[in-house]
Amino acid sequence: MPFFEAQYKNWRRMFEPYIVANPQIENTLARLDEGGLICDVGAGGRRITADTVTVDAFWSNDTDVASDAAALGVSDNVFDCVFCTGTFEHLPDPWESAREIARITKPGGIVHVDAPFMQGYHADPEDYWRFTAHGLRRLFPEFEELDSGVHMGPASGLSWVFLGFVQGLARGERSRKWLYRFGRLIAFPWKYLDLFVVKNPYSHLAASGVYFVGRKPAGNTEQ
């Protein structure tokens, strides 16, 4: 039954070591004119709006364009907004991918990116990088900053790092799996503290995730 399957998935997600306590996607969508073209690089099966063009490295039922993020199979200056969230840590060359995202964004268009800072290792298929808020902003040096900050707070960072620490105590795969379950059970309630601290001025010091929203210069037709 679809309803009970959805409830089961939500129940499983409750035990994840993080929450997005300060979501920003809707805020970015509110900046766009009606009918603007939107792309999501590394969509991972989601569709932000019904008309969003989804890009992933591999084909799936929800993929519109299968393409390497470092060599996007998309023409220049196409989209009014390009999202890339929870993806840069998995890219071997995030700098080249950022240039590609900038290239397919129209002059005057918006990029919305986020990436982890304090998160445990999570391969998909690999895991290469972590970013501070300032580091993420440096990926788009020519863009006007519209907003930036913390969307996943330090409580999620603490919970996720603790989960990695617990698994590090394991001597084999079987014990790692048991320690993983134990760590999730212990740590998952901590993440809800982010509902109270994520917008505090020093939450970036151990934030789980950071974001940047920027506008491409209106006169810029090349990236």
Protein backbone atom coordinates (compact mmCIF):
# COMPACT_ATOMS: atom_id res chain seq x y z
CA MET A 1 0.00 0.00 0.00
CA PRO A 2 1.56 3.35 -1.06
CA PHE A 3 0.38 5.15 2.10
CA PHE A 4 1.99 2.64 4.45
CA GLU A 5 5.15 2.51 2.31
CA ALA A 6 5.45 6.29 2.66
CA GLN A 7 4.95 6.07 6.42
CA TYR A 8 7.65 3.42 6.66
CA LYS A 9 10.09 5.57 4.71
CA ASN A 10 9.37 8.55 6.95
CA TRP A 11 9.88 6.40 10.03
CA ARG A 12 13.27 5.27 8.72
CA ARG A 13 14.27 8.87 7.96
CA MET A 14 13.50 9.87 11.54
CA PHE A 15 16.64 7.99 12.62
CA GLU A 16 18.94 9.77 10.17
CA PRO A 17 21.61 11.86 11.95
CA TYR A 18 20.51 15.16 10.40
CA ILE A 19 17.61 17.43 9.55
CA VAL A 20 17.47 20.40 7.21
CA ALA A 21 16.38 22.85 9.90
CA ASN A 22 16.77 25.94 7.71
CA PRO A 23 15.51 24.91 4.24
CA GLN A 24 16.26 27.38 1.46
CA ILE A 25 14.94 25.96 -1.82
CA GLU A 26 11.53 27.61 -1.53
CA ASN A 27 13.21 30.96 -0.82
CA THR A 28 15.19 30.67 -4.04
CA LEU A 29 12.13 29.66 -6.04
CA ALA A 30 10.42 32.80 -4.74
CA ARG A 31 13.17 34.90 -6.36
CA LEU A 32 12.33 33.60 -9.85
CA ASP A 33 9.91 35.04 -12.36
CA GLU A 34 6.99 32.83 -13.32
CA GLY A 35 7.87 30.43 -16.09
CA GLY A 36 11.62 30.55 -15.48
CA LEU A 37 13.63 27.55 -16.65
CA ILE A 38 15.07 25.51 -13.77
CA CYS A 39 17.77 22.84 -13.79
CA ASP A 40 18.74 20.50 -10.96
CA VAL A 41 22.25 19.05 -11.30
CA GLY A 42 22.54 15.87 -9.26
CA ALA A 43 18.80 15.71 -8.71
CA GLY A 44 18.93 12.23 -7.22
CA GLY A 45 15.36 11.32 -8.13
CA ARG A 46 13.65 14.50 -6.94
CA ARG A 47 11.90 17.11 -9.07
CA ILE A 48 11.83 20.55 -7.43
CA THR A 49 9.05 21.75 -9.71
CA ALA A 50 7.04 19.92 -12.34
CA ASP A 51 9.05 21.57 -15.14
CA THR A 52 12.53 21.25 -13.60
CA VAL A 53 15.10 19.67 -15.90
CA THR A 54 16.85 16.97 -13.88
CA VAL A 55 20.48 16.04 -14.53
CA ASP A 56 22.29 13.01 -13.13
CA ALA A 57 25.34 10.96 -13.95
CA PHE A 58 23.20 7.88 -14.67
CA TRP A 59 19.84 7.34 -16.29
CA SER A 60 16.78 6.67 -14.13
CA ASN A 61 13.04 7.14 -14.51
CA ASP A 62 13.39 10.70 -13.13
CA THR A 63 16.44 11.75 -15.18
CA ASP A 64 15.97 14.13 -18.11
CA VAL A 65 19.67 14.53 -18.98
CA ALA A 66 22.37 11.98 -18.17
CA SER A 67 25.63 13.89 -17.96
CA ASP A 68 28.86 14.28 -16.01
CA ALA A 69 28.59 17.42 -13.87
CA ALA A 70 32.07 18.44 -15.04
CA ALA A 71 30.98 18.35 -18.70
CA LEU A 72 27.27 19.10 -18.80
CA GLY A 73 25.59 18.20 -22.06
CA VAL A 74 23.66 21.49 -22.07
CA SER A 75 24.09 24.65 -24.16
CA ASP A 76 25.39 27.93 -22.73
CA ASN A 77 23.14 30.44 -20.95
CA VAL A 78 19.97 28.31 -20.89
CA PHE A 79 18.56 28.30 -17.37
CA ASP A 80 17.12 31.01 -15.14
CA CYS A 81 18.09 28.98 -12.09
CA VAL A 82 20.39 26.01 -11.49
CA PHE A 83 20.25 24.00 -8.27
CA CYS A 84 23.02 21.68 -7.12
CA THR A 85 22.49 20.43 -3.58
CA GLY A 86 24.23 17.66 -1.65
CA THR A 87 26.35 16.89 -4.71
CA PHE A 88 29.66 18.80 -4.66
CA GLU A 89 31.17 16.48 -2.05
CA HIS A 90 30.78 13.57 -4.49
CA LEU A 91 32.39 15.28 -7.51
CA PRO A 92 36.09 14.63 -8.26
CA ASP A 93 36.46 18.20 -9.61
CA PRO A 94 33.89 20.52 -7.99
CA TRP A 95 35.64 23.60 -9.42
CA GLU A 96 35.11 22.44 -13.00
CA SER A 97 31.53 21.45 -12.18
CA ALA A 98 30.90 24.92 -10.72
CA ARG A 99 32.19 26.47 -13.96
CA GLU A 100 29.82 24.25 -15.91
CA ILE A 101 26.89 25.28 -13.71
CA ALA A 102 27.83 28.91 -14.24
CA ARG A 103 28.07 28.33 -18.01
CA ILE A 104 24.54 26.97 -18.39
CA THR A 105 23.05 29.73 -16.21
CA LYS A 106 21.64 32.73 -18.07
CA PRO A 107 23.12 36.17 -17.43
CA GLY A 108 21.09 37.50 -14.52
CA GLY A 109 20.18 33.92 -13.55
CA ILE A 110 20.58 32.33 -10.13
CA VAL A 111 22.61 29.41 -8.82
CA HIS A 112 21.64 27.67 -5.58
CA VAL A 113 24.21 25.26 -4.18
CA ASP A 114 24.78 23.57 -0.86
CA ALA A 115 27.37 21.17 0.46
CA PRO A 116 28.43 19.49 3.70
CA PHE A 117 30.86 20.88 6.26
CA MET A 118 30.62 18.60 9.33
CA GLN A 119 29.34 15.30 7.99
CA GLY A 120 30.58 11.75 8.16
CA TYR A 121 31.85 9.91 5.11
CA HIS A 122 29.03 8.93 2.75
CA ALA A 123 30.03 7.55 -0.64
CA ASP A 124 27.70 8.07 -3.61
CA PRO A 125 29.60 6.49 -5.31
CA GLU A 126 32.56 8.32 -3.69
CA ASP A 127 32.94 11.12 -1.14
CA TYR A 128 35.78 13.61 -1.72
CA TRP A 129 35.21 17.07 -0.21
CA ARG A 130 33.89 19.28 2.60
CA PHE A 131 33.22 23.02 2.39
CA THR A 132 32.97 25.96 4.72
CA ALA A 133 30.48 28.67 3.76
CA HIS A 134 33.35 30.82 2.48
CA GLY A 135 34.82 27.92 0.53
CA LEU A 136 31.51 27.20 -1.16
CA ARG A 137 31.16 30.84 -2.10
CA ARG A 138 34.62 30.73 -3.76
CA LEU A 139 33.32 28.24 -6.32
CA PHE A 140 31.38 31.12 -7.92
CA PRO A 141 33.71 34.12 -7.58
CA GLU A 142 32.06 36.21 -10.31
CA PHE A 143 28.54 35.83 -8.95
CA GLU A 144 26.76 38.43 -6.83
CA GLU A 145 25.92 36.88 -3.47
CA LEU A 146 22.19 36.94 -2.77
CA ASP A 147 22.25 34.75 0.32
CA SER A 148 24.46 32.26 2.10
CA GLY A 149 24.66 30.54 5.44
CA VAL A 150 23.79 27.39 7.32
CA HIS A 151 20.90 25.14 6.33
CA MET A 152 21.95 22.10 8.41
CA GLY A 153 23.09 23.11 11.86
CA PRO A 154 25.74 22.04 14.38
CA ALA A 155 23.47 19.59 16.19
CA SER A 156 23.21 17.59 12.97
CA GLY A 157 26.98 17.94 12.59
CA LEU A 158 27.51 16.56 16.09
CA SER A 159 25.10 13.69 15.53
CA TRP A 160 26.68 12.72 12.20
CA VAL A 161 30.27 12.88 13.47
CA PHE A 162 29.34 10.84 16.55
CA LEU A 163 27.86 8.19 14.27
CA GLY A 164 31.15 8.04 12.39
CA PHE A 165 33.10 7.83 15.66
CA VAL A 166 31.02 4.89 16.88
CA GLN A 167 31.55 3.00 13.63
CA GLY A 168 35.27 3.68 13.94
CA LEU A 169 35.32 1.47 17.04
CA ALA A 170 34.40 -1.58 14.94
CA ARG A 171 36.90 -4.35 14.15
CA GLY A 172 34.88 -5.85 11.32
CA GLU A 173 31.84 -5.33 9.09
CA ARG A 174 29.44 -7.20 11.35
CA SER A 175 30.34 -5.16 14.43
CA ARG A 176 30.29 -1.97 12.34
CA LYS A 177 26.66 -2.62 11.35
CA TRP A 178 25.65 -3.16 14.97
CA LEU A 179 27.52 -0.06 16.11
CA TYR A 180 25.91 1.92 13.28
CA ARG A 181 22.45 0.96 14.52
CA PHE A 182 23.43 1.73 18.11
CA GLY A 183 24.91 5.10 17.14
CA ARG A 184 21.81 6.13 15.19
CA LEU A 185 19.58 5.22 18.10
CA ILE A 186 21.66 7.27 20.54
CA ALA A 187 22.37 10.30 18.36
CA PHE A 188 19.29 10.95 16.24
CA PRO A 189 17.42 13.02 18.89
CA TRP A 190 20.30 15.52 19.08
CA LYS A 191 19.63 16.81 15.56
CA TYR A 192 16.34 18.40 16.66
CA LEU A 193 18.32 20.97 18.64
CA ASP A 194 19.04 22.53 15.24
CA LEU A 195 15.48 23.85 15.21
CA PHE A 196 16.64 26.24 17.94
CA VAL A 197 20.28 26.94 17.02
CA VAL A 198 20.62 26.74 13.22
CA LYS A 199 20.08 30.50 12.78
CA ASN A 200 22.37 31.52 15.62
CA PRO A 201 25.34 33.70 14.54
CA TYR A 202 27.95 31.04 15.37
CA SER A 203 26.16 27.96 14.04
CA HIS A 204 28.61 27.93 11.11
CA LEU A 205 31.46 26.87 13.40
CA ALA A 206 30.32 23.25 13.29
CA ALA A 207 27.47 23.35 10.78
CA SER A 208 26.52 20.11 9.11
CA GLY A 209 25.79 21.87 5.81
CA VAL A 210 26.15 25.30 4.22
CA TYR A 211 24.56 26.98 1.20
CA PHE A 212 25.22 29.77 -1.31
CA VAL A 213 22.77 31.57 -3.60
CA GLY A 214 24.23 33.87 -6.23
CA ARG A 215 23.28 35.79 -9.37
CA LYS A 216 25.29 35.62 -12.59
CA PRO A 217 26.35 39.07 -13.80
CA ALA A 218 23.81 40.35 -16.33
CA GLY A 219 26.52 41.24 -18.84
CA ASN A 220 28.30 37.90 -18.56
CA THR A 221 27.64 35.71 -21.61
CA GLU A 222 30.69 33.48 -21.19
CA GLN A 223 31.89 31.31 -18.30
